[in-house]
Amino acid sequence: VQLVESGGGLVQPGGSLRLSCAASGFTFSNYIMKWYRQAPGKERELVARISNGSGTTNYADSVKGRFTISRDNVKNTVYLQMNSLKPEDTAVYYCNTMIWARGYWGQGTQVTVSS
């Protein structure tokens, strides 16, 4: 199982970024995919999840209405579109899935929101 995030960077407040997570080594379409983030000195928190099958989505209250999670089961990729970014969105963002009760993580991608 491999998860590789990309798309992070430095953006001004109010700006947008699109994160990608390319998955391999498992049947991507069968599994729930999640985005987490971890800010300096804080615990890792769940930002968004998308189900397999119907693609039902859920979001943390702090990002609801600004972030959108989506998936492409042909490209084996999950995305996180982040709009109206705020300084408090600054964190390392991680892609995650659970397979047979084991969690798999990517290496993370840094998002910094600053003027």
C-alpha atoms as a PDB file:
ATOM      1  CA  VAL A   1       0.000   0.000   0.000  1.00  0.00           C
ATOM      2  CA  GLN A   2       1.341   3.395  -0.959  1.00  0.00           C
ATOM      3  CA  LEU A   3      -0.197   6.834  -0.577  1.00  0.00           C
ATOM      4  CA  VAL A   4       1.575   9.841  -2.070  1.00  0.00           C
ATOM      5  CA  GLU A   5       0.304  13.351  -1.401  1.00  0.00           C
ATOM      6  CA  SER A   6       1.095  16.404  -3.496  1.00  0.00           C
ATOM      7  CA  GLY A   7      -0.154  19.915  -4.129  1.00  0.00           C
ATOM      8  CA  GLY A   8       0.791  21.695  -0.921  1.00  0.00           C
ATOM      9  CA  GLY A   9       2.512  25.048  -0.792  1.00  0.00           C
ATOM     10  CA  LEU A  10       2.396  28.633   0.399  1.00  0.00           C
ATOM     11  CA  VAL A  11      -0.805  30.565  -0.268  1.00  0.00           C
ATOM     12  CA  GLN A  12      -2.212  33.880   0.898  1.00  0.00           C
ATOM     13  CA  PRO A  13      -5.316  34.035   3.099  1.00  0.00           C
ATOM     14  CA  GLY A  14      -8.405  33.678   0.961  1.00  0.00           C
ATOM     15  CA  GLY A  15      -6.553  31.653  -1.631  1.00  0.00           C
ATOM     16  CA  SER A  16      -7.064  28.099  -2.859  1.00  0.00           C
ATOM     17  CA  LEU A  17      -5.083  24.893  -3.167  1.00  0.00           C
ATOM     18  CA  ARG A  18      -5.898  21.449  -4.475  1.00  0.00           C
ATOM     19  CA  LEU A  19      -4.235  18.491  -2.793  1.00  0.00           C
ATOM     20  CA  SER A  20      -3.937  15.096  -4.467  1.00  0.00           C
ATOM     21  CA  CYS A  21      -3.250  11.674  -3.019  1.00  0.00           C
ATOM     22  CA  ALA A  22      -2.233   8.950  -5.448  1.00  0.00           C
ATOM     23  CA  ALA A  23      -2.940   5.464  -4.116  1.00  0.00           C
ATOM     24  CA  SER A  24      -1.504   2.113  -5.140  1.00  0.00           C
ATOM     25  CA  GLY A  25      -1.181  -1.429  -3.870  1.00  0.00           C
ATOM     26  CA  PHE A  26      -4.834  -2.006  -3.033  1.00  0.00           C
ATOM     27  CA  THR A  27      -8.256  -1.885  -4.688  1.00  0.00           C
ATOM     28  CA  PHE A  28      -8.806   1.836  -4.246  1.00  0.00           C
ATOM     29  CA  SER A  29     -12.498   1.901  -5.109  1.00  0.00           C
ATOM     30  CA  ASN A  30     -13.340  -0.472  -2.246  1.00  0.00           C
ATOM     31  CA  TYR A  31     -12.102   1.746   0.570  1.00  0.00           C
ATOM     32  CA  ILE A  32     -13.026   4.874   2.457  1.00  0.00           C
ATOM     33  CA  MET A  33     -10.427   7.606   2.019  1.00  0.00           C
ATOM     34  CA  LYS A  34      -9.681  10.393   4.471  1.00  0.00           C
ATOM     35  CA  TRP A  35      -7.686  13.600   4.744  1.00  0.00           C
ATOM     36  CA  TYR A  36      -6.176  14.538   8.093  1.00  0.00           C
ATOM     37  CA  ARG A  37      -4.038  17.488   9.093  1.00  0.00           C
ATOM     38  CA  GLN A  38      -1.599  18.230  11.878  1.00  0.00           C
ATOM     39  CA  ALA A  39      -0.573  21.738  12.876  1.00  0.00           C
ATOM     40  CA  PRO A  40       2.568  22.385  14.943  1.00  0.00           C
ATOM     41  CA  GLY A  41       1.997  21.480  18.572  1.00  0.00           C
ATOM     42  CA  LYS A  42      -1.462  20.066  17.895  1.00  0.00           C
ATOM     43  CA  GLU A  43      -2.922  16.606  17.501  1.00  0.00           C
ATOM     44  CA  ARG A  44      -3.698  15.206  14.094  1.00  0.00           C
ATOM     45  CA  GLU A  45      -7.327  15.897  13.189  1.00  0.00           C
ATOM     46  CA  LEU A  46      -9.720  14.444  10.636  1.00  0.00           C
ATOM     47  CA  VAL A  47     -10.576  17.022   7.969  1.00  0.00           C
ATOM     48  CA  ALA A  48     -12.711  15.097   5.487  1.00  0.00           C
ATOM     49  CA  ARG A  49     -13.692  11.602   4.452  1.00  0.00           C
ATOM     50  CA  ILE A  50     -15.270  10.077   1.388  1.00  0.00           C
ATOM     51  CA  SER A  51     -16.910   6.683   1.286  1.00  0.00           C
ATOM     52  CA  ASN A  52     -16.443   3.973  -1.264  1.00  0.00           C
ATOM     53  CA  GLY A  53     -19.480   3.183  -3.360  1.00  0.00           C
ATOM     54  CA  SER A  54     -21.765   6.213  -3.216  1.00  0.00           C
ATOM     55  CA  GLY A  55     -18.966   8.673  -2.430  1.00  0.00           C
ATOM     56  CA  THR A  56     -20.710  10.137   0.600  1.00  0.00           C
ATOM     57  CA  THR A  57     -18.649  12.929   2.131  1.00  0.00           C
ATOM     58  CA  ASN A  58     -18.212  14.276   5.658  1.00  0.00           C
ATOM     59  CA  TYR A  59     -16.270  17.286   6.904  1.00  0.00           C
ATOM     60  CA  ALA A  60     -14.921  18.770  10.082  1.00  0.00           C
ATOM     61  CA  ASP A  61     -16.951  21.795  11.151  1.00  0.00           C
ATOM     62  CA  SER A  62     -13.894  23.994  10.759  1.00  0.00           C
ATOM     63  CA  VAL A  63     -13.684  23.358   6.997  1.00  0.00           C
ATOM     64  CA  LYS A  64     -17.316  22.780   6.069  1.00  0.00           C
ATOM     65  CA  GLY A  65     -18.333  24.948   3.126  1.00  0.00           C
ATOM     66  CA  ARG A  66     -14.710  25.705   2.197  1.00  0.00           C
ATOM     67  CA  PHE A  67     -13.151  22.292   1.493  1.00  0.00           C
ATOM     68  CA  THR A  68     -14.348  19.601  -0.897  1.00  0.00           C
ATOM     69  CA  ILE A  69     -13.134  16.003  -0.944  1.00  0.00           C
ATOM     70  CA  SER A  70     -13.537  13.939  -4.096  1.00  0.00           C
ATOM     71  CA  ARG A  71     -12.173  10.774  -5.633  1.00  0.00           C
ATOM     72  CA  ASP A  72     -11.371   9.375  -9.057  1.00  0.00           C
ATOM     73  CA  ASN A  73     -11.586   5.582  -8.952  1.00  0.00           C
ATOM     74  CA  VAL A  74     -10.036   5.300 -12.416  1.00  0.00           C
ATOM     75  CA  LYS A  75      -6.965   7.322 -11.481  1.00  0.00           C
ATOM     76  CA  ASN A  76      -6.881   5.865  -7.935  1.00  0.00           C
ATOM     77  CA  THR A  77      -6.624   9.364  -6.563  1.00  0.00           C
ATOM     78  CA  VAL A  78      -8.385  11.316  -3.828  1.00  0.00           C
ATOM     79  CA  TYR A  79      -8.445  15.110  -3.868  1.00  0.00           C
ATOM     80  CA  LEU A  80      -8.986  17.897  -1.383  1.00  0.00           C
ATOM     81  CA  GLN A  81     -10.032  21.208  -2.895  1.00  0.00           C
ATOM     82  CA  MET A  82      -9.391  23.947  -0.343  1.00  0.00           C
ATOM     83  CA  ASN A  83     -10.926  27.378  -0.873  1.00  0.00           C
ATOM     84  CA  SER A  84     -11.061  30.517   1.275  1.00  0.00           C
ATOM     85  CA  LEU A  85      -7.980  29.376   3.124  1.00  0.00           C
ATOM     86  CA  LYS A  86      -7.234  30.819   6.547  1.00  0.00           C
ATOM     87  CA  PRO A  87      -3.983  31.004   8.526  1.00  0.00           C
ATOM     88  CA  GLU A  88      -5.405  28.406  10.904  1.00  0.00           C
ATOM     89  CA  ASP A  89      -5.509  25.925   8.004  1.00  0.00           C
ATOM     90  CA  THR A  90      -1.699  25.843   8.096  1.00  0.00           C
ATOM     91  CA  ALA A  91      -0.658  22.244   8.719  1.00  0.00           C
ATOM     92  CA  VAL A  92       0.791  19.124   7.207  1.00  0.00           C
ATOM     93  CA  TYR A  93      -2.003  17.340   5.358  1.00  0.00           C
ATOM     94  CA  TYR A  94      -2.074  13.540   5.241  1.00  0.00           C
ATOM     95  CA  CYS A  95      -4.006  11.041   3.188  1.00  0.00           C
ATOM     96  CA  ASN A  96      -5.255   7.938   5.026  1.00  0.00           C
ATOM     97  CA  THR A  97      -7.064   4.673   4.528  1.00  0.00           C
ATOM     98  CA  MET A  98      -7.846   1.704   6.748  1.00  0.00           C
ATOM     99  CA  ILE A  99      -7.421  -1.814   5.408  1.00  0.00           C
ATOM    100  CA  TRP A 100      -8.121  -4.807   7.690  1.00  0.00           C
ATOM    101  CA  ALA A 101      -8.046  -2.479  10.723  1.00  0.00           C
ATOM    102  CA  ARG A 102      -4.597  -1.163   9.857  1.00  0.00           C
ATOM    103  CA  GLY A 103      -4.100   2.488   9.054  1.00  0.00           C
ATOM    104  CA  TYR A 104      -1.963   3.572   6.132  1.00  0.00           C
ATOM    105  CA  TRP A 105      -0.577   7.078   5.765  1.00  0.00           C
ATOM    106  CA  GLY A 106       1.176   9.101   3.146  1.00  0.00           C
ATOM    107  CA  GLN A 107       4.242  11.221   3.869  1.00  0.00           C
ATOM    108  CA  GLY A 108       2.189  14.396   4.088  1.00  0.00           C
ATOM    109  CA  THR A 109       2.227  17.700   2.222  1.00  0.00           C
ATOM    110  CA  GLN A 110       2.779  21.071   3.876  1.00  0.00           C
ATOM    111  CA  VAL A 111       0.152  23.780   3.495  1.00  0.00           C
ATOM    112  CA  THR A 112       1.076  27.235   4.733  1.00  0.00           C
ATOM    113  CA  VAL A 113      -1.445  30.081   4.676  1.00  0.00           C
ATOM    114  CA  SER A 114       0.265  33.391   5.252  1.00  0.00           C
ATOM    115  CA  SER A 115       0.489  36.881   3.842  1.00  0.00           C
END
